[in-house]
Amino acid sequence: MDVSKFNCSEIFNDFRDSMEKCDFFALDQEMTGVNHLERPQLKTMCLNDLYAISREVVSRYVAFQLGVSIFKRVGDKYEVRAYNFFLLKDNGDFAVDTSALKFLLNNGMNFQKWLTTGMPYGDTNGGAPHRGKTPCALSLADILSNSLVKHIRKWYNDSPVCNDDCLTLRAIIYEEVEQLTLSKLRNERIYIAMEYDKSLSMGTSVLVTVRRMEPGALKEETTRLEDPTASETGMAEGFQPFWKCLIKYKKPLVGHNFWLDIMFLVQMHAGPLPDDYDAYKKLVNYHFPVIYDTKTLGRQLVKRSPLESFCLKDLYDRAIALNKSLPKPLEFISPPEFNLYNTEVDECSCKVHEAGFDSYITGITFCIIRHCCGSGGSIEVERWKNIISVFGSHFYMNVIGEDNLIVPSTFVIEFDKEVEAPLGELLLGNGVDGVEGVGDSTESGVRSLFCDYCKGNSKMMVVAFDSDIDEKGVRNLIGLCMERGKNLVAPIYVEEGVFPNVLNIYRLGT
């Protein structure tokens, strides 16, 4: 369900009640950018250093779409309510990464809808963005909608009620004007539908046909906020009442690759992030005592490849296949008004990278992993509570303790000259016959190889091993592989110095 500044007040009560009664909720966001071009992330960074960079990212960019999917166990099924919020900063400026916007545009993002219907947001310290502002002149949309309301009200109250009764008038109308008009009329208990050619230019006068709505065609207004000015209040407060619901009930929060999502969430709705990384973790734990990251859990599905990149859609597809293999698969249902993300329909695939849909499949993935692999299965789900995956890092963020490496035996190796990645693999025995315990074909050895920089070579490499090994063992392994490797490259490289000297070896994070 899309939530904008025009319908947020009508949706709020249902959202609040669902949050209070749910088992957990999943969350996803789409941002205007996530990269810090002046200070790139390095493979050797600990999270304390990365936090300083990420703080600048979340203060520079914004999350303009936020998806919240609420999951409640009903018998042997899960009832899911997925909300897709459009958020718009109503004053000041923010940065936009054009590559990020192009990516989202190619995936069907409706930016016009965001700009015309986005909800304001604000932190709890400063209050909602509109609160306390001096009233200003009416916007053009307000002026146009007031004119429509005046004509429609007169027709609705004065003309006799009949099935084919309608009003036709010419007006300048677009989505924002339409939504404002409908909202104002609903406050007067005037229920109508408007039809017009939406393909015409936004500033063009068009013919608008107005028809009465049957009394039974709309829900009774019993779900409206108690305040008779709820619609206007909701539009002014924007997302803030929803944010308070997210943090009030202390329900488990589920996300995917969640490092930046949490930072954007707190920065935009709770206030500026603290300078100190440990203080930030305490703040996160205060708002969300229980967090699960599906990327963290997904890594446990493939023990042999803990550094495998699990994008959300791939992990979801893996989970769905796992669920279908069960004698009695988990079922997921939604009320009729929430069937926008029915994954049985092929068209749903185009919703990937829409925040509401991504939160929906994140929650489903979590349910399946917990059901199939938890409770004494192959994954100790509770062990991975509050352990957050960090994109591009070898560390997990531990919200309530010390951060830890994804693979404990992860080392930084420094050479006296640049080493191309294939040569680096050769130095570490990957693919060298006769080196026992090395390579992907055995139970132990080199897990993966990363260059520190995004170029094809580097003087520094980060390497993860799948067996317990120390610095001396790594140095001995390189020496053994170097001797055996010389025989392989001798026919090609006859000069001395093909293999670089090792300057330093240390465990990452020490």
Protein backbone atom coordinates (compact mmCIF):
# COMPACT_ATOMS: atom_id res chain seq x y z
CA MET A 1 0.00 0.00 0.00
CA ASP A 2 1.45 3.37 -1.03
CA VAL A 3 1.37 5.98 1.73
CA SER A 4 1.62 9.68 0.89
CA LYS A 5 0.87 12.97 2.61
CA PHE A 6 -2.69 12.72 1.31
CA ASN A 7 -3.72 9.38 2.81
CA CYS A 8 -1.38 9.02 5.81
CA SER A 9 -4.03 10.12 8.33
CA GLU A 10 -6.53 7.55 7.11
CA ILE A 11 -3.94 4.77 7.26
CA PHE A 12 -2.36 5.63 10.60
CA ASN A 13 -4.76 3.86 12.96
CA ASP A 14 -4.52 0.60 11.03
CA PHE A 15 -0.73 0.89 10.96
CA ARG A 16 -0.54 1.57 14.69
CA ASP A 17 -2.83 -1.34 15.58
CA SER A 18 -0.91 -3.69 13.27
CA MET A 19 2.42 -2.69 14.84
CA GLU A 20 1.09 -3.25 18.34
CA LYS A 21 -0.12 -6.79 17.55
CA CYS A 22 2.59 -7.99 15.16
CA ASP A 23 5.35 -10.57 15.70
CA PHE A 24 7.97 -8.52 13.85
CA PHE A 25 8.35 -5.98 11.06
CA ALA A 26 10.74 -5.76 8.12
CA LEU A 27 12.11 -2.50 6.75
CA ASP A 28 13.89 -1.30 3.62
CA GLN A 29 14.77 2.11 2.18
CA GLU A 30 15.78 3.68 -1.12
CA MET A 31 18.29 6.52 -0.93
CA THR A 32 19.37 9.40 -3.16
CA GLY A 33 22.95 8.16 -2.75
CA VAL A 34 25.16 5.98 -0.55
CA ASN A 35 28.76 6.66 -1.62
CA HIS A 36 31.37 9.05 -0.25
CA LEU A 37 33.53 9.85 -3.27
CA GLU A 38 36.10 11.92 -1.34
CA ARG A 39 36.66 9.23 1.33
CA PRO A 40 36.33 5.77 -0.20
CA GLN A 41 35.72 2.73 1.97
CA LEU A 42 38.81 0.53 2.33
CA LYS A 43 38.80 -3.22 2.89
CA THR A 44 41.07 -2.85 5.92
CA MET A 45 38.84 -0.39 7.77
CA CYS A 46 37.41 -1.28 11.15
CA LEU A 47 33.80 -0.21 11.65
CA ASN A 48 34.76 2.59 14.02
CA ASP A 49 36.58 4.29 11.12
CA LEU A 50 33.87 3.42 8.61
CA TYR A 51 31.22 4.93 10.89
CA ALA A 52 32.80 8.37 10.54
CA ILE A 53 32.54 8.12 6.75
CA SER A 54 29.00 6.72 6.82
CA ARG A 55 27.87 9.56 9.12
CA GLU A 56 28.82 12.02 6.40
CA VAL A 57 26.95 9.94 3.82
CA VAL A 58 23.66 9.91 5.76
CA SER A 59 23.90 13.63 6.50
CA ARG A 60 24.48 14.35 2.80
CA TYR A 61 21.86 12.10 1.19
CA VAL A 62 18.31 11.13 2.21
CA ALA A 63 16.12 8.05 2.11
CA PHE A 64 13.15 9.12 0.01
CA GLN A 65 11.21 5.86 0.07
CA LEU A 66 10.71 3.67 3.14
CA GLY A 67 9.05 0.27 3.15
CA VAL A 68 7.59 -1.33 6.27
CA SER A 69 6.07 -4.82 6.14
CA ILE A 70 4.31 -5.98 9.29
CA PHE A 71 4.16 -9.75 9.94
CA LYS A 72 1.71 -11.48 12.28
CA ARG A 73 1.44 -15.24 12.77
CA VAL A 74 -2.14 -16.42 12.24
CA GLY A 75 -2.34 -20.17 12.81
CA ASP A 76 0.00 -21.81 10.31
CA LYS A 77 0.17 -18.69 8.11
CA TYR A 78 1.63 -15.21 8.26
CA GLU A 79 -0.55 -12.18 7.60
CA VAL A 80 1.51 -9.44 5.96
CA ARG A 81 0.70 -5.75 5.64
CA ALA A 82 3.20 -3.93 3.43
CA TYR A 83 3.40 -0.13 3.45
CA ASN A 84 5.41 1.92 0.96
CA PHE A 85 6.05 5.44 2.30
CA PHE A 86 7.14 8.36 0.11
CA LEU A 87 9.23 10.83 2.15
CA LEU A 88 10.15 14.32 0.98
CA LYS A 89 12.33 16.88 2.72
CA ASP A 90 10.19 20.01 2.65
CA ASN A 91 12.94 22.57 3.19
CA GLY A 92 16.69 22.81 2.84
CA ASP A 93 18.72 20.78 0.40
CA PHE A 94 20.18 17.31 -0.01
CA ALA A 95 22.59 15.62 -2.40
CA VAL A 96 21.64 13.33 -5.26
CA ASP A 97 23.89 10.69 -6.80
CA THR A 98 22.81 10.60 -10.44
CA SER A 99 23.97 7.01 -10.88
CA ALA A 100 21.71 5.92 -8.00
CA LEU A 101 18.72 7.72 -9.48
CA LYS A 102 19.36 6.27 -12.94
CA PHE A 103 19.48 2.80 -11.41
CA LEU A 104 16.16 3.33 -9.63
CA LEU A 105 14.59 4.90 -12.71
CA ASN A 106 15.56 1.84 -14.75
CA ASN A 107 13.81 -0.25 -12.09
CA GLY A 108 10.53 1.64 -12.42
CA MET A 109 10.80 4.27 -9.67
CA ASN A 110 8.07 6.94 -9.97
CA PHE A 111 9.92 10.13 -9.08
CA GLN A 112 7.00 12.40 -10.01
CA LYS A 113 4.86 10.62 -7.43
CA TRP A 114 7.58 11.11 -4.83
CA LEU A 115 7.91 14.85 -5.54
CA THR A 116 4.16 15.54 -5.60
CA THR A 117 2.93 13.29 -2.78
CA GLY A 118 5.94 12.78 -0.48
CA MET A 119 5.35 13.03 3.28
CA PRO A 120 7.40 15.47 5.37
CA TYR A 121 9.54 14.00 8.10
CA GLY A 122 11.35 15.38 11.10
CA ASP A 123 13.32 14.35 14.16
CA THR A 124 11.87 14.11 17.66
CA ASN A 125 14.12 16.89 18.92
CA GLY A 126 12.99 19.50 16.46
CA GLY A 127 9.48 18.18 16.02
CA ALA A 128 7.75 17.72 12.74
CA PRO A 129 9.01 19.94 9.93
CA HIS A 130 5.80 21.98 9.72
CA ARG A 131 5.17 22.33 13.44
CA GLY A 132 5.67 25.84 14.76
CA LYS A 133 5.96 27.40 11.33
CA THR A 134 4.34 30.72 10.62
CA PRO A 135 1.37 30.21 8.28
CA CYS A 136 2.32 31.15 4.77
CA ALA A 137 0.44 31.90 1.58
CA LEU A 138 -1.58 29.10 0.05
CA SER A 139 0.20 26.97 -2.51
CA LEU A 140 -1.01 26.78 -6.10
CA ALA A 141 -2.35 23.28 -5.45
CA ASP A 142 -4.36 24.58 -2.47
CA ILE A 143 -5.84 27.41 -4.52
CA LEU A 144 -6.82 25.08 -7.37
CA SER A 145 -8.28 22.48 -5.01
CA ASN A 146 -10.29 25.11 -3.10
CA SER A 147 -11.92 26.18 -6.35
CA LEU A 148 -12.83 22.58 -7.18
CA VAL A 149 -14.18 21.96 -3.67
CA LYS A 150 -16.44 25.01 -3.94
CA HIS A 151 -18.03 23.85 -7.23
CA ILE A 152 -18.30 20.20 -6.22
CA ARG A 153 -19.80 21.01 -2.81
CA LYS A 154 -22.54 23.13 -4.40
CA TRP A 155 -23.36 20.45 -6.97
CA TYR A 156 -23.28 17.63 -4.39
CA ASN A 157 -25.63 19.41 -1.96
CA ASP A 158 -28.00 21.06 -4.44
CA SER A 159 -28.52 18.53 -7.22
CA PRO A 160 -30.91 15.58 -6.79
CA VAL A 161 -29.36 12.17 -6.18
CA CYS A 162 -29.62 9.82 -9.16
CA ASN A 163 -27.47 7.06 -10.59
CA ASP A 164 -26.36 8.88 -13.72
CA ASP A 165 -25.93 12.28 -12.10
CA CYS A 166 -22.53 13.82 -12.74
CA LEU A 167 -20.80 17.17 -12.86
CA THR A 168 -18.58 18.19 -15.77
CA LEU A 169 -16.32 21.19 -15.46
CA ARG A 170 -13.06 22.47 -16.87
CA ALA A 171 -10.16 22.88 -14.45
CA ILE A 172 -6.41 22.75 -14.06
CA ILE A 173 -5.81 19.52 -12.17
CA TYR A 174 -2.99 17.09 -11.47
CA GLU A 175 -2.41 14.40 -8.86
CA GLU A 176 -1.61 16.73 -5.96
CA VAL A 177 -4.68 18.88 -6.66
CA GLU A 178 -6.87 15.78 -7.00
CA GLN A 179 -5.69 14.29 -3.71
CA LEU A 180 -6.09 17.58 -1.85
CA THR A 181 -9.60 18.00 -3.24
CA LEU A 182 -10.66 14.47 -2.27
CA SER A 183 -9.17 14.88 1.20
CA LYS A 184 -10.98 18.17 1.86
CA LEU A 185 -14.29 16.79 0.59
CA ARG A 186 -13.97 13.65 2.71
CA ASN A 187 -13.65 15.87 5.77
CA GLU A 188 -17.10 17.21 4.84
CA ARG A 189 -18.35 13.63 4.25
CA ILE A 190 -18.67 14.30 0.54
CA TYR A 191 -17.60 11.18 -1.35
CA ILE A 192 -16.93 11.51 -5.06
CA ALA A 193 -14.71 10.19 -7.83
CA MET A 194 -13.04 12.33 -10.50
CA GLU A 195 -12.14 11.33 -14.04
CA TYR A 196 -9.90 13.32 -16.38
CA ASP A 197 -7.17 12.79 -18.96
CA LYS A 198 -4.02 12.39 -16.88
CA SER A 199 -1.79 12.20 -19.95
CA LEU A 200 -2.12 15.92 -20.64
CA SER A 201 0.40 18.47 -19.43
CA MET A 202 0.21 19.37 -15.75
CA GLY A 203 -0.62 23.02 -16.48
CA THR A 204 -3.31 22.31 -19.07
CA SER A 205 -7.01 22.96 -18.44
CA VAL A 206 -8.91 19.68 -18.89
CA LEU A 207 -12.48 18.41 -18.65
CA VAL A 208 -13.15 16.82 -15.28
CA THR A 209 -16.11 14.50 -14.69
CA VAL A 210 -17.26 14.20 -11.09
CA ARG A 211 -19.53 11.36 -9.93
CA ARG A 212 -21.04 10.51 -6.58
CA MET A 213 -19.74 7.45 -4.81
CA GLU A 214 -22.22 4.89 -3.53
CA PRO A 215 -22.38 4.94 0.29
CA GLY A 216 -21.18 1.32 0.46
CA ALA A 217 -18.29 1.87 -1.93
CA LEU A 218 -16.15 3.56 0.71
CA LYS A 219 -15.14 2.41 4.17
CA GLU A 220 -16.87 4.20 7.02
CA GLU A 221 -14.78 6.97 8.45
CA THR A 222 -14.61 5.25 11.83
CA THR A 223 -10.90 4.58 11.36
CA ARG A 224 -10.07 8.27 11.17
CA LEU A 225 -8.08 9.91 13.92
CA GLU A 226 -10.15 11.27 16.81
CA ASP A 227 -9.04 14.79 16.05
CA PRO A 228 -11.54 16.29 13.56
CA THR A 229 -8.62 18.04 11.86
CA ALA A 230 -6.75 14.74 11.58
CA SER A 231 -6.18 15.01 7.84
CA GLU A 232 -4.49 18.39 8.04
CA THR A 233 -2.61 17.39 11.19
CA GLY A 234 -1.40 14.18 9.60
CA MET A 235 -0.20 16.01 6.51
CA ALA A 236 1.71 18.43 8.72
CA GLU A 237 3.27 15.83 11.01
CA GLY A 238 4.03 13.52 8.11
CA PHE A 239 5.97 10.39 9.00
CA GLN A 240 6.66 11.29 12.63
CA PRO A 241 3.60 9.47 14.14
CA PHE A 242 4.56 6.34 12.18
CA TRP A 243 8.15 6.57 13.43
CA LYS A 244 6.89 6.74 17.02
CA CYS A 245 4.97 3.51 16.41
CA LEU A 246 8.10 1.80 15.06
CA ILE A 247 10.04 2.53 18.24
CA LYS A 248 7.22 2.39 20.81
CA TYR A 249 6.33 -1.31 20.79
CA LYS A 250 9.92 -2.64 20.67
CA LYS A 251 9.06 -5.31 18.11
CA PRO A 252 11.89 -7.23 16.39
CA LEU A 253 13.17 -5.37 13.34
CA VAL A 254 14.35 -7.27 10.24
CA GLY A 255 16.45 -5.80 7.43
CA HIS A 256 18.96 -6.84 4.78
CA ASN A 257 22.55 -5.59 4.66
CA PHE A 258 21.36 -3.14 7.26
CA TRP A 259 24.34 -0.94 8.20
CA LEU A 260 23.36 2.16 6.22
CA ASP A 261 19.60 1.63 6.51
CA ILE A 262 19.74 1.93 10.29
CA MET A 263 21.93 5.02 10.08
CA PHE A 264 19.56 6.76 7.66
CA LEU A 265 16.59 5.74 9.80
CA VAL A 266 17.97 7.23 13.01
CA GLN A 267 19.47 10.32 11.36
CA MET A 268 16.25 11.30 9.58
CA HIS A 269 13.69 10.53 12.29
CA ALA A 270 15.43 10.62 15.68
CA GLY A 271 18.04 13.32 15.16
CA PRO A 272 21.72 13.78 14.21
CA LEU A 273 23.93 10.77 14.85
CA PRO A 274 26.42 10.98 17.75
CA ASP A 275 30.10 11.44 16.97
CA ASP A 276 31.06 8.36 18.98
CA TYR A 277 30.47 4.95 17.40
CA ASP A 278 29.75 3.18 20.71
CA ALA A 279 27.24 5.88 21.64
CA TYR A 280 25.55 5.32 18.29
CA LYS A 281 25.25 1.58 18.92
CA LYS A 282 23.64 2.26 22.30
CA LEU A 283 21.18 4.63 20.61
CA VAL A 284 20.26 1.99 18.03
CA ASN A 285 19.76 -0.62 20.74
CA TYR A 286 17.57 1.79 22.72
CA HIS A 287 15.23 2.28 19.76
CA PHE A 288 15.41 -1.29 18.42
CA PRO A 289 16.41 -3.86 21.08
CA VAL A 290 16.13 -6.79 18.66
CA ILE A 291 17.40 -6.65 15.07
CA TYR A 292 17.94 -9.45 12.55
CA ASP A 293 19.84 -9.04 9.28
CA THR A 294 18.87 -11.51 6.55
CA LYS A 295 22.25 -11.12 4.85
CA THR A 296 23.93 -12.22 8.08
CA LEU A 297 21.56 -15.19 8.35
CA GLY A 298 21.92 -15.96 4.64
CA ARG A 299 25.67 -16.36 4.99
CA GLN A 300 25.03 -19.16 7.45
CA LEU A 301 23.09 -21.08 4.79
CA VAL A 302 26.30 -21.56 2.81
CA LYS A 303 29.00 -22.35 5.34
CA ARG A 304 31.56 -23.08 2.63
CA SER A 305 31.27 -19.57 1.17
CA PRO A 306 30.65 -17.09 4.00
CA LEU A 307 31.93 -14.25 1.83
CA GLU A 308 29.52 -14.99 -1.00
CA SER A 309 27.58 -11.89 -1.97
CA PHE A 310 23.91 -12.36 -1.12
CA CYS A 311 21.80 -9.73 -2.83
CA LEU A 312 18.28 -9.64 -1.42
CA LYS A 313 16.46 -11.02 -4.47
CA ASP A 314 18.87 -13.97 -4.83
CA LEU A 315 18.53 -14.84 -1.15
CA TYR A 316 14.74 -14.53 -1.40
CA ASP A 317 14.66 -16.88 -4.40
CA ARG A 318 16.81 -19.36 -2.47
CA ALA A 319 14.46 -19.13 0.52
CA ILE A 320 11.34 -19.60 -1.65
CA ALA A 321 12.87 -22.72 -3.22
CA LEU A 322 13.65 -24.02 0.26
CA ASN A 323 10.09 -23.31 1.40
CA LYS A 324 8.57 -25.13 -1.58
CA SER A 325 10.62 -28.22 -0.76
CA LEU A 326 8.94 -28.54 2.64
CA PRO A 327 6.10 -31.05 3.18
CA LYS A 328 3.98 -28.14 4.39
CA PRO A 329 5.36 -24.82 3.12
CA LEU A 330 4.78 -21.59 5.00
CA GLU A 331 1.94 -19.48 3.58
CA PHE A 332 1.79 -15.70 3.42
CA ILE A 333 -1.51 -13.86 3.07
CA SER A 334 -2.52 -10.20 2.97
CA PRO A 335 -5.82 -8.31 3.30
CA PRO A 336 -7.29 -7.31 -0.10
CA GLU A 337 -6.01 -3.74 0.09
CA PHE A 338 -2.45 -5.05 0.62
CA ASN A 339 -2.27 -7.44 -2.36
CA LEU A 340 0.02 -5.10 -4.30
CA TYR A 341 2.94 -7.47 -3.72
CA ASN A 342 1.38 -10.83 -4.56
CA THR A 343 4.54 -12.76 -5.48
CA GLU A 344 2.49 -15.36 -7.35
CA VAL A 345 1.94 -12.74 -10.06
CA ASP A 346 4.78 -12.30 -12.57
CA GLU A 347 4.40 -8.52 -12.61
CA CYS A 348 5.66 -8.35 -9.03
CA SER A 349 9.21 -8.85 -10.30
CA CYS A 350 9.22 -5.27 -11.54
CA LYS A 351 8.76 -4.09 -7.95
CA VAL A 352 12.31 -5.06 -6.95
CA HIS A 353 14.10 -1.99 -5.53
CA GLU A 354 10.80 -0.48 -4.43
CA ALA A 355 11.17 -0.12 -0.67
CA GLY A 356 7.77 -1.61 0.16
CA PHE A 357 8.38 -4.71 -1.96
CA ASP A 358 11.93 -5.18 -0.71
CA SER A 359 10.72 -5.00 2.90
CA TYR A 360 8.05 -7.57 1.99
CA ILE A 361 10.50 -10.14 0.59
CA THR A 362 12.98 -9.41 3.40
CA GLY A 363 10.36 -10.42 5.95
CA ILE A 364 9.35 -13.52 4.00
CA THR A 365 13.01 -14.57 3.70
CA PHE A 366 13.45 -14.19 7.46
CA CYS A 367 10.33 -16.27 8.19
CA ILE A 368 11.52 -19.12 5.97
CA ILE A 369 15.09 -19.15 7.30
CA ARG A 370 13.85 -19.11 10.88
CA HIS A 371 11.25 -21.81 10.19
CA CYS A 372 13.47 -24.13 8.16
CA CYS A 373 16.88 -23.65 9.74
CA GLY A 374 16.22 -22.31 13.24
CA SER A 375 14.87 -24.04 16.35
CA GLY A 376 17.65 -26.61 16.49
CA GLY A 377 18.26 -26.64 12.75
CA SER A 378 21.39 -25.71 10.82
CA ILE A 379 21.32 -22.05 11.91
CA GLU A 380 21.21 -20.74 15.48
CA VAL A 381 19.04 -17.73 14.63
CA GLU A 382 19.22 -16.25 18.13
CA ARG A 383 23.01 -16.36 17.99
CA TRP A 384 22.89 -13.86 15.12
CA LYS A 385 20.50 -11.43 16.80
CA ASN A 386 21.79 -7.83 16.61
CA ILE A 387 24.62 -8.85 14.25
CA ILE A 388 24.48 -6.51 11.24
CA SER A 389 26.08 -7.01 7.83
CA VAL A 390 28.11 -4.10 6.46
CA PHE A 391 28.44 -3.76 2.70
CA GLY A 392 32.06 -4.02 1.54
CA SER A 393 33.43 -4.81 5.00
CA HIS A 394 34.95 -7.94 6.53
CA PHE A 395 33.34 -7.07 9.87
CA TYR A 396 29.92 -7.58 11.36
CA MET A 397 28.47 -4.79 13.47
CA ASN A 398 27.50 -6.15 16.89
CA VAL A 399 24.91 -3.72 18.24
CA ILE A 400 25.32 -4.87 21.85
CA GLY A 401 28.98 -5.90 21.95
CA GLU A 402 32.33 -5.88 20.20
CA ASP A 403 32.31 -6.07 16.41
CA ASN A 404 33.72 -9.28 14.98
CA LEU A 405 35.17 -10.54 11.72
CA ILE A 406 32.92 -12.45 9.33
CA VAL A 407 35.69 -15.05 9.04
CA PRO A 408 37.93 -15.16 12.14
CA SER A 409 41.09 -16.06 10.19
CA THR A 410 41.22 -12.91 8.07
CA PHE A 411 44.64 -11.37 7.49
CA VAL A 412 46.18 -8.32 5.86
CA ILE A 413 49.28 -9.12 3.80
CA GLU A 414 51.58 -6.29 2.70
CA PHE A 415 54.07 -6.77 -0.15
CA ASP A 416 57.00 -4.65 -1.29
CA LYS A 417 55.39 -4.09 -4.67
CA GLU A 418 52.02 -4.33 -6.31
CA VAL A 419 50.67 -7.83 -6.82
CA GLU A 420 48.07 -8.62 -9.45
CA ALA A 421 45.15 -10.68 -8.18
CA PRO A 422 45.98 -13.88 -10.14
CA LEU A 423 49.55 -13.80 -8.86
CA GLY A 424 48.24 -13.21 -5.37
CA GLU A 425 46.08 -16.32 -5.61
CA LEU A 426 49.11 -18.27 -6.78
CA LEU A 427 51.15 -16.97 -3.83
CA LEU A 428 48.49 -18.22 -1.44
CA GLY A 429 48.23 -21.66 -3.00
CA ASN A 430 44.87 -21.28 -4.71
CA GLY A 431 45.11 -23.71 -7.59
CA VAL A 432 48.65 -24.95 -6.82
CA ASP A 433 48.73 -28.74 -6.96
CA GLY A 434 50.51 -30.54 -4.16
CA VAL A 435 49.90 -27.97 -1.42
CA GLU A 436 47.86 -29.87 1.15
CA GLY A 437 44.96 -28.03 2.75
CA VAL A 438 44.95 -25.19 0.24
CA GLY A 439 42.42 -24.30 -2.42
CA ASP A 440 38.67 -24.56 -2.77
CA SER A 441 38.77 -28.31 -3.42
CA THR A 442 39.72 -29.17 0.17
CA GLU A 443 38.16 -28.72 3.58
CA SER A 444 40.58 -25.97 4.59
CA GLY A 445 42.75 -23.33 3.01
CA VAL A 446 42.23 -20.02 1.26
CA ARG A 447 38.64 -18.94 1.47
CA SER A 448 38.77 -15.91 -0.75
CA LEU A 449 41.08 -13.15 -1.95
CA PHE A 450 40.39 -9.42 -1.96
CA CYS A 451 42.49 -6.54 -3.16
CA ASP A 452 42.47 -3.52 -0.91
CA TYR A 453 41.64 -1.18 -3.78
CA CYS A 454 39.24 -1.57 -6.65
CA LYS A 455 42.07 -1.74 -9.15
CA GLY A 456 43.51 -4.93 -10.59
CA ASN A 457 46.56 -4.86 -8.33
CA SER A 458 47.67 -3.61 -4.95
CA LYS A 459 50.49 -3.85 -2.45
CA MET A 460 48.02 -4.88 0.21
CA MET A 461 45.58 -7.78 0.20
CA VAL A 462 42.94 -8.98 2.61
CA VAL A 463 42.67 -12.76 2.69
CA ALA A 464 40.28 -14.98 4.62
CA PHE A 465 41.12 -18.58 5.49
CA ASP A 466 38.59 -21.26 6.33
CA SER A 467 40.83 -22.89 8.94
CA ASP A 468 42.40 -21.62 12.14
CA ILE A 469 45.80 -20.23 11.22
CA ASP A 470 48.18 -17.63 12.67
CA GLU A 471 50.58 -15.11 11.14
CA LYS A 472 53.46 -17.60 11.12
CA GLY A 473 51.30 -20.17 9.38
CA VAL A 474 50.32 -17.66 6.69
CA ARG A 475 53.97 -16.73 6.09
CA ASN A 476 54.98 -20.41 5.85
CA LEU A 477 52.11 -21.06 3.45
CA ILE A 478 53.20 -18.21 1.19
CA GLY A 479 56.81 -19.46 1.23
CA LEU A 480 55.76 -22.99 0.31
CA CYS A 481 53.48 -21.80 -2.46
CA MET A 482 56.16 -19.45 -3.77
CA GLU A 483 58.64 -22.30 -4.19
CA ARG A 484 56.11 -24.49 -5.96
CA GLY A 485 54.82 -21.54 -7.99
CA LYS A 486 58.26 -20.75 -9.38
CA ASN A 487 58.21 -24.05 -11.22
CA LEU A 488 54.91 -23.07 -12.84
CA VAL A 489 56.00 -19.63 -14.02
CA ALA A 490 59.62 -20.50 -14.89
CA PRO A 491 58.86 -21.26 -18.55
CA ILE A 492 57.30 -17.80 -18.90
CA TYR A 493 59.19 -15.61 -16.42
CA VAL A 494 62.94 -16.21 -16.48
CA GLU A 495 63.96 -13.02 -14.72
CA GLU A 496 64.37 -12.81 -10.95
CA GLY A 497 61.91 -10.98 -8.76
CA VAL A 498 58.65 -12.24 -10.22
CA PHE A 499 57.36 -12.91 -6.72
CA PRO A 500 57.29 -9.94 -4.31
CA ASN A 501 58.64 -9.98 -0.80
CA VAL A 502 56.23 -10.09 2.13
CA LEU A 503 56.71 -7.04 4.34
CA ASN A 504 54.07 -7.61 6.96
CA ILE A 505 51.26 -9.98 7.96
CA TYR A 506 48.69 -9.21 10.63
CA ARG A 507 45.21 -10.29 11.56
CA LEU A 508 42.61 -7.76 10.39
CA GLY A 509 41.39 -5.59 13.23
CA THR A 510 44.51 -5.90 15.39
